[in-house]
């Protein structure tokens, strides 16, 4: 089969479809409609003479031929992308696009302060951010990198630290503490209303405490379980119960007196944010610049204490 220019474009569409297993999501990555993706695939299958994808109303899977073509094309197309990325060093201003898959806390505590500065410095770099607390395969989702707590980064990925370790605290609104009192020991939480958190792997998070080398893990009781950290914070501010959150997310409300910290002597330190990506790929120039800027700005660095 002689390769034509249209084949190259269709191969790129096919690789995006293989990554996302969705015409809509693949189209979003490439900036085309789902119908354009479908038309491209039909044309490619007709020219090759074999079916590459099995499609139903609910799923998209590769056929054996599709898997073989994907395996053959992935590395060469990655090499082309790497070569184009390498040309960024010859530009007066870096350009390109990066895609990130990040957890909710990373979006608000790390990226929200960094991205406005990044866009001022590098206006020709486009960034797409997907925010989810689910533990996903960033490569399968088509992202260049993910940001998670250090202890949750997949072992087969290259990881770089973006922040120092973070203190985790239990907080409650004054109205709640006036009604129910403040726990003095983690065991006292058995008599309190706690805002429980469902993790990305669908388990319920058990609150962790540490004091002078003694560690305690508590299955905090409560009638409310949520997946969204901002919602947890909103509920805590409304007096619905005690919340277990990273200290930077509640610092403004502690300063305003809208929340009070309890069990402060038991507050543990947890691993900070890490950015991770596949080691076999060259790091996109935009991603390197974002990592450097996050380390320069240090939005999660503790504020200096005044005497």
C-alpha atoms as a PDB file:
ATOM      1  CA  UNK A   1       0.000   0.000   0.000  1.00  0.00           C
ATOM      2  CA  UNK A   2       1.382   3.381  -1.017  1.00  0.00           C
ATOM      3  CA  UNK A   3       1.133   5.952   1.773  1.00  0.00           C
ATOM      4  CA  UNK A   4      -0.713   9.146   0.834  1.00  0.00           C
ATOM      5  CA  UNK A   5      -0.974  12.414   2.759  1.00  0.00           C
ATOM      6  CA  UNK A   6      -4.532  11.577   3.817  1.00  0.00           C
ATOM      7  CA  UNK A   7      -3.291   8.295   5.294  1.00  0.00           C
ATOM      8  CA  UNK A   8      -0.949  10.149   7.661  1.00  0.00           C
ATOM      9  CA  UNK A   9      -3.819  12.267   8.990  1.00  0.00           C
ATOM     10  CA  UNK A  10      -6.052   9.210   9.332  1.00  0.00           C
ATOM     11  CA  UNK A  11      -3.306   7.317  11.173  1.00  0.00           C
ATOM     12  CA  UNK A  12      -3.070  10.201  13.652  1.00  0.00           C
ATOM     13  CA  UNK A  13      -6.848  10.107  14.149  1.00  0.00           C
ATOM     14  CA  UNK A  14      -6.701   6.339  14.627  1.00  0.00           C
ATOM     15  CA  UNK A  15      -3.989   6.641  17.299  1.00  0.00           C
ATOM     16  CA  UNK A  16      -6.058   9.214  19.202  1.00  0.00           C
ATOM     17  CA  UNK A  17      -9.060   6.894  19.019  1.00  0.00           C
ATOM     18  CA  UNK A  18      -6.940   3.994  20.280  1.00  0.00           C
ATOM     19  CA  UNK A  19      -5.837   6.113  23.253  1.00  0.00           C
ATOM     20  CA  UNK A  20      -9.270   7.337  24.254  1.00  0.00           C
ATOM     21  CA  UNK A  21     -11.522   4.494  23.056  1.00  0.00           C
ATOM     22  CA  UNK A  22     -14.078   7.223  22.404  1.00  0.00           C
ATOM     23  CA  UNK A  23     -14.821   9.178  19.221  1.00  0.00           C
ATOM     24  CA  UNK A  24     -15.923  12.201  21.239  1.00  0.00           C
ATOM     25  CA  UNK A  25     -12.840  12.354  23.504  1.00  0.00           C
ATOM     26  CA  UNK A  26     -10.454  11.656  20.619  1.00  0.00           C
ATOM     27  CA  UNK A  27     -12.125  14.410  18.630  1.00  0.00           C
ATOM     28  CA  UNK A  28     -11.765  16.830  21.542  1.00  0.00           C
ATOM     29  CA  UNK A  29      -8.035  16.109  21.683  1.00  0.00           C
ATOM     30  CA  UNK A  30      -7.610  16.795  17.972  1.00  0.00           C
ATOM     31  CA  UNK A  31     -10.103  19.631  17.694  1.00  0.00           C
ATOM     32  CA  UNK A  32     -12.501  17.865  15.327  1.00  0.00           C
ATOM     33  CA  UNK A  33     -16.002  16.469  15.643  1.00  0.00           C
ATOM     34  CA  UNK A  34     -16.849  12.877  16.492  1.00  0.00           C
ATOM     35  CA  UNK A  35     -18.425  12.512  13.048  1.00  0.00           C
ATOM     36  CA  UNK A  36     -15.160  13.637  11.434  1.00  0.00           C
ATOM     37  CA  UNK A  37     -13.345  10.993  13.475  1.00  0.00           C
ATOM     38  CA  UNK A  38     -15.821   8.353  12.320  1.00  0.00           C
ATOM     39  CA  UNK A  39     -15.526   9.442   8.667  1.00  0.00           C
ATOM     40  CA  UNK A  40     -11.720   9.279   8.872  1.00  0.00           C
ATOM     41  CA  UNK A  41     -11.807   5.776  10.347  1.00  0.00           C
ATOM     42  CA  UNK A  42     -14.241   4.490   7.729  1.00  0.00           C
ATOM     43  CA  UNK A  43     -12.015   5.826   4.956  1.00  0.00           C
ATOM     44  CA  UNK A  44      -8.904   4.263   6.479  1.00  0.00           C
ATOM     45  CA  UNK A  45     -10.609   0.880   6.964  1.00  0.00           C
ATOM     46  CA  UNK A  46     -11.881   0.973   3.368  1.00  0.00           C
ATOM     47  CA  UNK A  47      -8.413   1.679   1.948  1.00  0.00           C
ATOM     48  CA  UNK A  48      -6.694  -0.928   4.129  1.00  0.00           C
ATOM     49  CA  UNK A  49      -9.443  -3.479   3.595  1.00  0.00           C
ATOM     50  CA  UNK A  50      -9.740  -4.621   7.230  1.00  0.00           C
ATOM     51  CA  UNK A  51     -11.813  -3.556  10.223  1.00  0.00           C
ATOM     52  CA  UNK A  52      -9.713  -1.779  12.847  1.00  0.00           C
ATOM     53  CA  UNK A  53     -12.334  -0.933  15.473  1.00  0.00           C
ATOM     54  CA  UNK A  54     -15.391  -2.632  16.944  1.00  0.00           C
ATOM     55  CA  UNK A  55     -18.068  -0.066  17.729  1.00  0.00           C
ATOM     56  CA  UNK A  56     -21.210  -0.352  19.813  1.00  0.00           C
ATOM     57  CA  UNK A  57     -23.431   2.325  21.325  1.00  0.00           C
ATOM     58  CA  UNK A  58     -21.453   2.007  24.575  1.00  0.00           C
ATOM     59  CA  UNK A  59     -17.892   1.051  23.725  1.00  0.00           C
ATOM     60  CA  UNK A  60     -15.041   1.319  21.241  1.00  0.00           C
ATOM     61  CA  UNK A  61     -12.474  -1.483  21.140  1.00  0.00           C
ATOM     62  CA  UNK A  62      -9.674  -2.359  18.758  1.00  0.00           C
ATOM     63  CA  UNK A  63      -9.827  -5.480  16.649  1.00  0.00           C
ATOM     64  CA  UNK A  64      -6.778  -7.743  16.421  1.00  0.00           C
ATOM     65  CA  UNK A  65      -5.799  -5.867  13.256  1.00  0.00           C
ATOM     66  CA  UNK A  66      -6.328  -2.565  15.051  1.00  0.00           C
ATOM     67  CA  UNK A  67      -4.115  -3.646  17.950  1.00  0.00           C
ATOM     68  CA  UNK A  68      -1.383  -4.673  15.494  1.00  0.00           C
ATOM     69  CA  UNK A  69      -1.584  -1.368  13.616  1.00  0.00           C
ATOM     70  CA  UNK A  70      -1.563   0.595  16.870  1.00  0.00           C
ATOM     71  CA  UNK A  71       1.553  -1.231  18.073  1.00  0.00           C
ATOM     72  CA  UNK A  72       3.318  -0.526  14.770  1.00  0.00           C
ATOM     73  CA  UNK A  73       2.394   3.170  14.568  1.00  0.00           C
ATOM     74  CA  UNK A  74       2.652   4.368  18.174  1.00  0.00           C
ATOM     75  CA  UNK A  75       6.448   4.606  18.443  1.00  0.00           C
ATOM     76  CA  UNK A  76       7.057   6.236  15.035  1.00  0.00           C
ATOM     77  CA  UNK A  77       4.403   8.881  15.691  1.00  0.00           C
ATOM     78  CA  UNK A  78       5.846   9.472  19.179  1.00  0.00           C
ATOM     79  CA  UNK A  79       9.238   9.967  17.519  1.00  0.00           C
ATOM     80  CA  UNK A  80       7.745  12.547  15.144  1.00  0.00           C
ATOM     81  CA  UNK A  81       6.186  14.381  18.076  1.00  0.00           C
ATOM     82  CA  UNK A  82       9.480  14.315  19.943  1.00  0.00           C
ATOM     83  CA  UNK A  83      11.331  15.717  16.935  1.00  0.00           C
ATOM     84  CA  UNK A  84       8.856  18.572  16.596  1.00  0.00           C
ATOM     85  CA  UNK A  85       9.087  19.286  20.342  1.00  0.00           C
ATOM     86  CA  UNK A  86      12.847  19.485  19.970  1.00  0.00           C
ATOM     87  CA  UNK A  87      12.461  22.384  17.553  1.00  0.00           C
ATOM     88  CA  UNK A  88      11.046  24.507  20.377  1.00  0.00           C
ATOM     89  CA  UNK A  89      14.578  25.422  21.428  1.00  0.00           C
ATOM     90  CA  UNK A  90      14.973  27.328  18.143  1.00  0.00           C
ATOM     91  CA  UNK A  91      11.870  29.444  18.732  1.00  0.00           C
ATOM     92  CA  UNK A  92      11.963  32.923  20.205  1.00  0.00           C
ATOM     93  CA  UNK A  93       8.972  31.871  22.324  1.00  0.00           C
ATOM     94  CA  UNK A  94       8.065  28.235  23.104  1.00  0.00           C
ATOM     95  CA  UNK A  95       4.853  26.968  21.553  1.00  0.00           C
ATOM     96  CA  UNK A  96       2.796  23.805  21.618  1.00  0.00           C
ATOM     97  CA  UNK A  97       0.176  22.093  23.704  1.00  0.00           C
ATOM     98  CA  UNK A  98       0.282  20.057  26.910  1.00  0.00           C
ATOM     99  CA  UNK A  99      -2.435  17.970  28.513  1.00  0.00           C
ATOM    100  CA  UNK A 100      -2.599  17.294  32.252  1.00  0.00           C
ATOM    101  CA  UNK A 101      -4.715  14.955  34.368  1.00  0.00           C
ATOM    102  CA  UNK A 102      -4.673  16.189  37.960  1.00  0.00           C
ATOM    103  CA  UNK A 103      -6.429  15.571  41.240  1.00  0.00           C
ATOM    104  CA  UNK A 104      -8.724  18.216  42.672  1.00  0.00           C
ATOM    105  CA  UNK A 105      -6.383  19.461  45.397  1.00  0.00           C
ATOM    106  CA  UNK A 106      -3.557  19.828  42.868  1.00  0.00           C
ATOM    107  CA  UNK A 107      -5.758  21.950  40.610  1.00  0.00           C
ATOM    108  CA  UNK A 108      -6.714  24.429  43.335  1.00  0.00           C
ATOM    109  CA  UNK A 109      -3.585  24.509  45.506  1.00  0.00           C
ATOM    110  CA  UNK A 110      -0.859  24.123  42.887  1.00  0.00           C
ATOM    111  CA  UNK A 111      -2.034  24.896  39.356  1.00  0.00           C
ATOM    112  CA  UNK A 112      -4.433  27.760  40.109  1.00  0.00           C
ATOM    113  CA  UNK A 113      -1.600  30.012  41.408  1.00  0.00           C
ATOM    114  CA  UNK A 114       0.917  28.862  38.777  1.00  0.00           C
ATOM    115  CA  UNK A 115      -1.029  28.850  35.498  1.00  0.00           C
ATOM    116  CA  UNK A 116      -1.786  32.606  35.296  1.00  0.00           C
ATOM    117  CA  UNK A 117       1.947  33.336  35.527  1.00  0.00           C
ATOM    118  CA  UNK A 118       2.706  30.541  33.058  1.00  0.00           C
ATOM    119  CA  UNK A 119       0.318  31.958  30.465  1.00  0.00           C
ATOM    120  CA  UNK A 120       1.837  35.414  30.830  1.00  0.00           C
ATOM    121  CA  UNK A 121       5.312  34.022  30.201  1.00  0.00           C
ATOM    122  CA  UNK A 122       4.435  31.489  27.521  1.00  0.00           C
ATOM    123  CA  UNK A 123       1.288  32.683  25.701  1.00  0.00           C
ATOM    124  CA  UNK A 124       1.839  30.324  22.755  1.00  0.00           C
ATOM    125  CA  UNK A 125       1.593  27.174  24.886  1.00  0.00           C
ATOM    126  CA  UNK A 126      -1.949  25.807  25.245  1.00  0.00           C
ATOM    127  CA  UNK A 127      -2.814  23.751  28.319  1.00  0.00           C
ATOM    128  CA  UNK A 128      -5.710  21.342  28.757  1.00  0.00           C
ATOM    129  CA  UNK A 129      -6.399  20.244  32.341  1.00  0.00           C
ATOM    130  CA  UNK A 130      -8.681  17.379  33.344  1.00  0.00           C
ATOM    131  CA  UNK A 131      -9.515  17.399  37.058  1.00  0.00           C
ATOM    132  CA  UNK A 132     -10.457  14.053  38.599  1.00  0.00           C
ATOM    133  CA  UNK A 133      -9.786  12.230  41.840  1.00  0.00           C
ATOM    134  CA  UNK A 134     -10.054   8.872  40.075  1.00  0.00           C
ATOM    135  CA  UNK A 135      -6.784   6.981  39.761  1.00  0.00           C
ATOM    136  CA  UNK A 136      -6.523   6.858  35.968  1.00  0.00           C
ATOM    137  CA  UNK A 137      -3.897   5.772  33.466  1.00  0.00           C
ATOM    138  CA  UNK A 138      -2.786   9.158  32.135  1.00  0.00           C
ATOM    139  CA  UNK A 139      -1.266   7.599  29.020  1.00  0.00           C
ATOM    140  CA  UNK A 140      -4.499   5.788  28.150  1.00  0.00           C
ATOM    141  CA  UNK A 141      -6.372   9.057  28.679  1.00  0.00           C
ATOM    142  CA  UNK A 142      -4.068  10.853  26.243  1.00  0.00           C
ATOM    143  CA  UNK A 143      -2.492  13.163  28.830  1.00  0.00           C
ATOM    144  CA  UNK A 144       1.162  14.156  28.818  1.00  0.00           C
ATOM    145  CA  UNK A 145       1.394  13.972  32.612  1.00  0.00           C
ATOM    146  CA  UNK A 146      -0.569  13.644  35.832  1.00  0.00           C
ATOM    147  CA  UNK A 147      -0.283  15.266  39.254  1.00  0.00           C
ATOM    148  CA  UNK A 148      -1.034  13.256  42.387  1.00  0.00           C
ATOM    149  CA  UNK A 149       0.074  12.910  45.976  1.00  0.00           C
ATOM    150  CA  UNK A 150       3.508  11.285  46.040  1.00  0.00           C
ATOM    151  CA  UNK A 151       2.325   8.016  47.542  1.00  0.00           C
ATOM    152  CA  UNK A 152      -0.232   7.410  44.787  1.00  0.00           C
ATOM    153  CA  UNK A 153       1.994   7.776  41.700  1.00  0.00           C
ATOM    154  CA  UNK A 154       2.116   4.565  39.604  1.00  0.00           C
ATOM    155  CA  UNK A 155       5.425   2.739  39.976  1.00  0.00           C
ATOM    156  CA  UNK A 156       6.081   2.493  36.233  1.00  0.00           C
ATOM    157  CA  UNK A 157       6.108   6.293  35.814  1.00  0.00           C
ATOM    158  CA  UNK A 158       8.855   8.885  36.169  1.00  0.00           C
ATOM    159  CA  UNK A 159       7.911  11.241  39.017  1.00  0.00           C
ATOM    160  CA  UNK A 160       9.195  14.663  40.020  1.00  0.00           C
ATOM    161  CA  UNK A 161       8.286  16.408  43.269  1.00  0.00           C
ATOM    162  CA  UNK A 162       6.477  19.742  42.893  1.00  0.00           C
ATOM    163  CA  UNK A 163       5.884  20.618  46.544  1.00  0.00           C
ATOM    164  CA  UNK A 164       7.102  19.835  50.013  1.00  0.00           C
ATOM    165  CA  UNK A 165       5.218  17.503  52.334  1.00  0.00           C
ATOM    166  CA  UNK A 166       1.839  18.794  53.475  1.00  0.00           C
ATOM    167  CA  UNK A 167       0.263  18.793  56.918  1.00  0.00           C
ATOM    168  CA  UNK A 168      -3.231  17.282  57.214  1.00  0.00           C
ATOM    169  CA  UNK A 169      -5.610  18.786  59.769  1.00  0.00           C
ATOM    170  CA  UNK A 170      -9.056  18.232  61.267  1.00  0.00           C
ATOM    171  CA  UNK A 171     -11.217  21.350  61.243  1.00  0.00           C
ATOM    172  CA  UNK A 172     -14.706  22.346  62.276  1.00  0.00           C
ATOM    173  CA  UNK A 173     -16.840  25.473  62.218  1.00  0.00           C
ATOM    174  CA  UNK A 174     -17.312  27.368  65.502  1.00  0.00           C
ATOM    175  CA  UNK A 175     -21.041  26.548  65.438  1.00  0.00           C
ATOM    176  CA  UNK A 176     -20.323  22.818  65.196  1.00  0.00           C
ATOM    177  CA  UNK A 177     -17.730  22.908  67.983  1.00  0.00           C
ATOM    178  CA  UNK A 178     -20.077  24.902  70.214  1.00  0.00           C
ATOM    179  CA  UNK A 179     -22.736  22.203  69.845  1.00  0.00           C
ATOM    180  CA  UNK A 180     -20.567  19.082  69.976  1.00  0.00           C
ATOM    181  CA  UNK A 181     -17.324  20.125  71.655  1.00  0.00           C
ATOM    182  CA  UNK A 182     -13.804  19.518  70.381  1.00  0.00           C
ATOM    183  CA  UNK A 183     -12.211  16.053  70.312  1.00  0.00           C
ATOM    184  CA  UNK A 184      -9.045  15.829  72.389  1.00  0.00           C
ATOM    185  CA  UNK A 185      -7.857  12.464  71.068  1.00  0.00           C
ATOM    186  CA  UNK A 186      -8.457  10.711  67.711  1.00  0.00           C
ATOM    187  CA  UNK A 187     -10.525   8.090  69.550  1.00  0.00           C
ATOM    188  CA  UNK A 188     -12.976  10.857  70.520  1.00  0.00           C
ATOM    189  CA  UNK A 189     -14.032  11.097  66.864  1.00  0.00           C
ATOM    190  CA  UNK A 190     -16.297   8.097  67.502  1.00  0.00           C
ATOM    191  CA  UNK A 191     -18.733  10.540  69.108  1.00  0.00           C
ATOM    192  CA  UNK A 192     -18.599  13.139  66.332  1.00  0.00           C
ATOM    193  CA  UNK A 193     -20.089  13.820  62.919  1.00  0.00           C
ATOM    194  CA  UNK A 194     -17.272  13.445  60.390  1.00  0.00           C
ATOM    195  CA  UNK A 195     -17.356  14.278  56.699  1.00  0.00           C
ATOM    196  CA  UNK A 196     -16.164  11.090  55.073  1.00  0.00           C
ATOM    197  CA  UNK A 197     -14.213  11.058  51.803  1.00  0.00           C
ATOM    198  CA  UNK A 198     -14.528   8.527  48.998  1.00  0.00           C
ATOM    199  CA  UNK A 199     -11.212   8.011  47.226  1.00  0.00           C
ATOM    200  CA  UNK A 200     -10.529   7.595  43.534  1.00  0.00           C
ATOM    201  CA  UNK A 201     -10.309   3.809  43.959  1.00  0.00           C
ATOM    202  CA  UNK A 202     -13.842   3.863  45.462  1.00  0.00           C
ATOM    203  CA  UNK A 203     -12.691   3.130  49.034  1.00  0.00           C
ATOM    204  CA  UNK A 204     -13.556   5.305  52.050  1.00  0.00           C
ATOM    205  CA  UNK A 205     -10.557   7.179  53.399  1.00  0.00           C
ATOM    206  CA  UNK A 206      -9.568   6.383  56.967  1.00  0.00           C
ATOM    207  CA  UNK A 207      -8.198   9.398  58.833  1.00  0.00           C
ATOM    208  CA  UNK A 208      -4.529   9.112  59.764  1.00  0.00           C
ATOM    209  CA  UNK A 209      -2.892  10.636  62.854  1.00  0.00           C
ATOM    210  CA  UNK A 210       0.625  10.713  64.284  1.00  0.00           C
ATOM    211  CA  UNK A 211       2.166  11.932  67.518  1.00  0.00           C
ATOM    212  CA  UNK A 212       5.743  11.300  68.678  1.00  0.00           C
ATOM    213  CA  UNK A 213       6.036   8.189  66.542  1.00  0.00           C
ATOM    214  CA  UNK A 214       2.628   6.804  67.539  1.00  0.00           C
ATOM    215  CA  UNK A 215       0.315   6.322  64.561  1.00  0.00           C
ATOM    216  CA  UNK A 216      -3.450   5.912  64.726  1.00  0.00           C
ATOM    217  CA  UNK A 217      -5.852   5.251  61.844  1.00  0.00           C
ATOM    218  CA  UNK A 218      -9.529   6.021  62.452  1.00  0.00           C
ATOM    219  CA  UNK A 219     -12.544   4.946  60.435  1.00  0.00           C
ATOM    220  CA  UNK A 220     -14.207   8.305  61.022  1.00  0.00           C
ATOM    221  CA  UNK A 221     -17.991   7.966  61.468  1.00  0.00           C
ATOM    222  CA  UNK A 222     -20.442  10.177  59.654  1.00  0.00           C
ATOM    223  CA  UNK A 223     -23.648  10.239  57.667  1.00  0.00           C
ATOM    224  CA  UNK A 224     -22.194  12.260  54.775  1.00  0.00           C
ATOM    225  CA  UNK A 225     -19.690  10.814  52.294  1.00  0.00           C
ATOM    226  CA  UNK A 226     -18.432  12.897  49.374  1.00  0.00           C
ATOM    227  CA  UNK A 227     -15.888  12.650  46.556  1.00  0.00           C
ATOM    228  CA  UNK A 228     -15.377  16.384  46.048  1.00  0.00           C
ATOM    229  CA  UNK A 229     -12.951  18.212  48.349  1.00  0.00           C
ATOM    230  CA  UNK A 230     -14.471  21.653  47.776  1.00  0.00           C
ATOM    231  CA  UNK A 231     -17.873  20.286  48.773  1.00  0.00           C
ATOM    232  CA  UNK A 232     -16.310  18.844  51.933  1.00  0.00           C
ATOM    233  CA  UNK A 233     -14.891  22.259  52.752  1.00  0.00           C
ATOM    234  CA  UNK A 234     -18.248  23.943  52.083  1.00  0.00           C
ATOM    235  CA  UNK A 235     -19.988  21.478  54.411  1.00  0.00           C
ATOM    236  CA  UNK A 236     -17.424  22.046  57.149  1.00  0.00           C
ATOM    237  CA  UNK A 237     -17.883  25.827  56.869  1.00  0.00           C
ATOM    238  CA  UNK A 238     -21.646  25.313  57.160  1.00  0.00           C
ATOM    239  CA  UNK A 239     -21.201  23.367  60.404  1.00  0.00           C
ATOM    240  CA  UNK A 240     -22.185  19.959  59.037  1.00  0.00           C
ATOM    241  CA  UNK A 241     -19.282  18.162  60.700  1.00  0.00           C
ATOM    242  CA  UNK A 242     -15.540  17.811  61.109  1.00  0.00           C
ATOM    243  CA  UNK A 243     -13.383  17.642  57.972  1.00  0.00           C
ATOM    244  CA  UNK A 244      -9.939  16.151  57.358  1.00  0.00           C
ATOM    245  CA  UNK A 245      -8.151  18.285  54.763  1.00  0.00           C
ATOM    246  CA  UNK A 246      -4.700  19.478  53.645  1.00  0.00           C
ATOM    247  CA  UNK A 247      -3.755  22.508  55.722  1.00  0.00           C
ATOM    248  CA  UNK A 248      -3.209  24.897  52.756  1.00  0.00           C
ATOM    249  CA  UNK A 249      -6.838  24.452  51.684  1.00  0.00           C
ATOM    250  CA  UNK A 250      -8.173  25.707  55.036  1.00  0.00           C
ATOM    251  CA  UNK A 251      -5.524  28.274  56.030  1.00  0.00           C
ATOM    252  CA  UNK A 252      -7.583  31.348  54.938  1.00  0.00           C
ATOM    253  CA  UNK A 253     -10.613  30.145  56.878  1.00  0.00           C
ATOM    254  CA  UNK A 254      -8.554  29.455  60.000  1.00  0.00           C
ATOM    255  CA  UNK A 255      -7.186  33.000  59.796  1.00  0.00           C
ATOM    256  CA  UNK A 256     -10.723  34.398  59.456  1.00  0.00           C
ATOM    257  CA  UNK A 257     -12.023  32.344  62.369  1.00  0.00           C
ATOM    258  CA  UNK A 258     -14.560  30.565  60.159  1.00  0.00           C
ATOM    259  CA  UNK A 259     -12.905  27.235  60.975  1.00  0.00           C
ATOM    260  CA  UNK A 260     -10.967  26.028  64.007  1.00  0.00           C
ATOM    261  CA  UNK A 261      -8.348  23.295  64.007  1.00  0.00           C
ATOM    262  CA  UNK A 262      -8.729  20.412  66.452  1.00  0.00           C
ATOM    263  CA  UNK A 263      -6.372  17.539  67.307  1.00  0.00           C
ATOM    264  CA  UNK A 264      -3.478  19.774  66.207  1.00  0.00           C
ATOM    265  CA  UNK A 265      -0.979  17.703  68.218  1.00  0.00           C
ATOM    266  CA  UNK A 266      -1.931  14.681  66.116  1.00  0.00           C
ATOM    267  CA  UNK A 267      -1.745  16.320  62.659  1.00  0.00           C
ATOM    268  CA  UNK A 268       0.439  14.173  60.354  1.00  0.00           C
ATOM    269  CA  UNK A 269       2.594  15.165  57.401  1.00  0.00           C
ATOM    270  CA  UNK A 270       1.738  13.620  54.047  1.00  0.00           C
ATOM    271  CA  UNK A 271       3.719  13.396  50.810  1.00  0.00           C
ATOM    272  CA  UNK A 272       3.456  16.484  48.624  1.00  0.00           C
ATOM    273  CA  UNK A 273       2.415  16.753  45.005  1.00  0.00           C
ATOM    274  CA  UNK A 274       4.373  14.912  42.321  1.00  0.00           C
ATOM    275  CA  UNK A 275       4.055  15.249  38.561  1.00  0.00           C
ATOM    276  CA  UNK A 276       4.467  11.962  36.699  1.00  0.00           C
ATOM    277  CA  UNK A 277       4.759  10.858  33.080  1.00  0.00           C
ATOM    278  CA  UNK A 278       5.949   7.889  30.978  1.00  0.00           C
ATOM    279  CA  UNK A 279       9.711   7.529  30.989  1.00  0.00           C
ATOM    280  CA  UNK A 280       9.926   6.359  27.376  1.00  0.00           C
ATOM    281  CA  UNK A 281       8.785   9.703  25.986  1.00  0.00           C
ATOM    282  CA  UNK A 282      10.780  12.906  25.743  1.00  0.00           C
ATOM    283  CA  UNK A 283       9.294  15.507  28.050  1.00  0.00           C
ATOM    284  CA  UNK A 284       7.408  18.176  26.046  1.00  0.00           C
ATOM    285  CA  UNK A 285       9.088  21.574  26.292  1.00  0.00           C
ATOM    286  CA  UNK A 286       5.943  23.136  27.736  1.00  0.00           C
ATOM    287  CA  UNK A 287       5.800  20.539  30.486  1.00  0.00           C
ATOM    288  CA  UNK A 288       9.430  21.166  31.425  1.00  0.00           C
ATOM    289  CA  UNK A 289       8.704  24.884  31.660  1.00  0.00           C
ATOM    290  CA  UNK A 290       5.631  24.266  33.822  1.00  0.00           C
ATOM    291  CA  UNK A 291       7.618  22.087  36.221  1.00  0.00           C
ATOM    292  CA  UNK A 292      10.340  24.728  36.466  1.00  0.00           C
ATOM    293  CA  UNK A 293       7.804  27.479  37.146  1.00  0.00           C
ATOM    294  CA  UNK A 294       5.979  25.490  39.846  1.00  0.00           C
ATOM    295  CA  UNK A 295       9.298  24.974  41.608  1.00  0.00           C
ATOM    296  CA  UNK A 296      10.178  28.650  41.201  1.00  0.00           C
ATOM    297  CA  UNK A 297       6.882  29.997  42.555  1.00  0.00           C
ATOM    298  CA  UNK A 298       6.436  27.359  45.297  1.00  0.00           C
ATOM    299  CA  UNK A 299       2.755  28.181  45.915  1.00  0.00           C
ATOM    300  CA  UNK A 300       2.590  25.660  48.762  1.00  0.00           C
ATOM    301  CA  UNK A 301       5.702  26.848  50.586  1.00  0.00           C
ATOM    302  CA  UNK A 302       4.910  27.764  54.226  1.00  0.00           C
ATOM    303  CA  UNK A 303       4.512  31.486  54.767  1.00  0.00           C
ATOM    304  CA  UNK A 304       7.330  33.047  56.809  1.00  0.00           C
ATOM    305  CA  UNK A 305       6.524  33.327  60.489  1.00  0.00           C
ATOM    306  CA  UNK A 306       6.820  36.790  62.004  1.00  0.00           C
ATOM    307  CA  UNK A 307       8.233  37.163  65.451  1.00  0.00           C
END
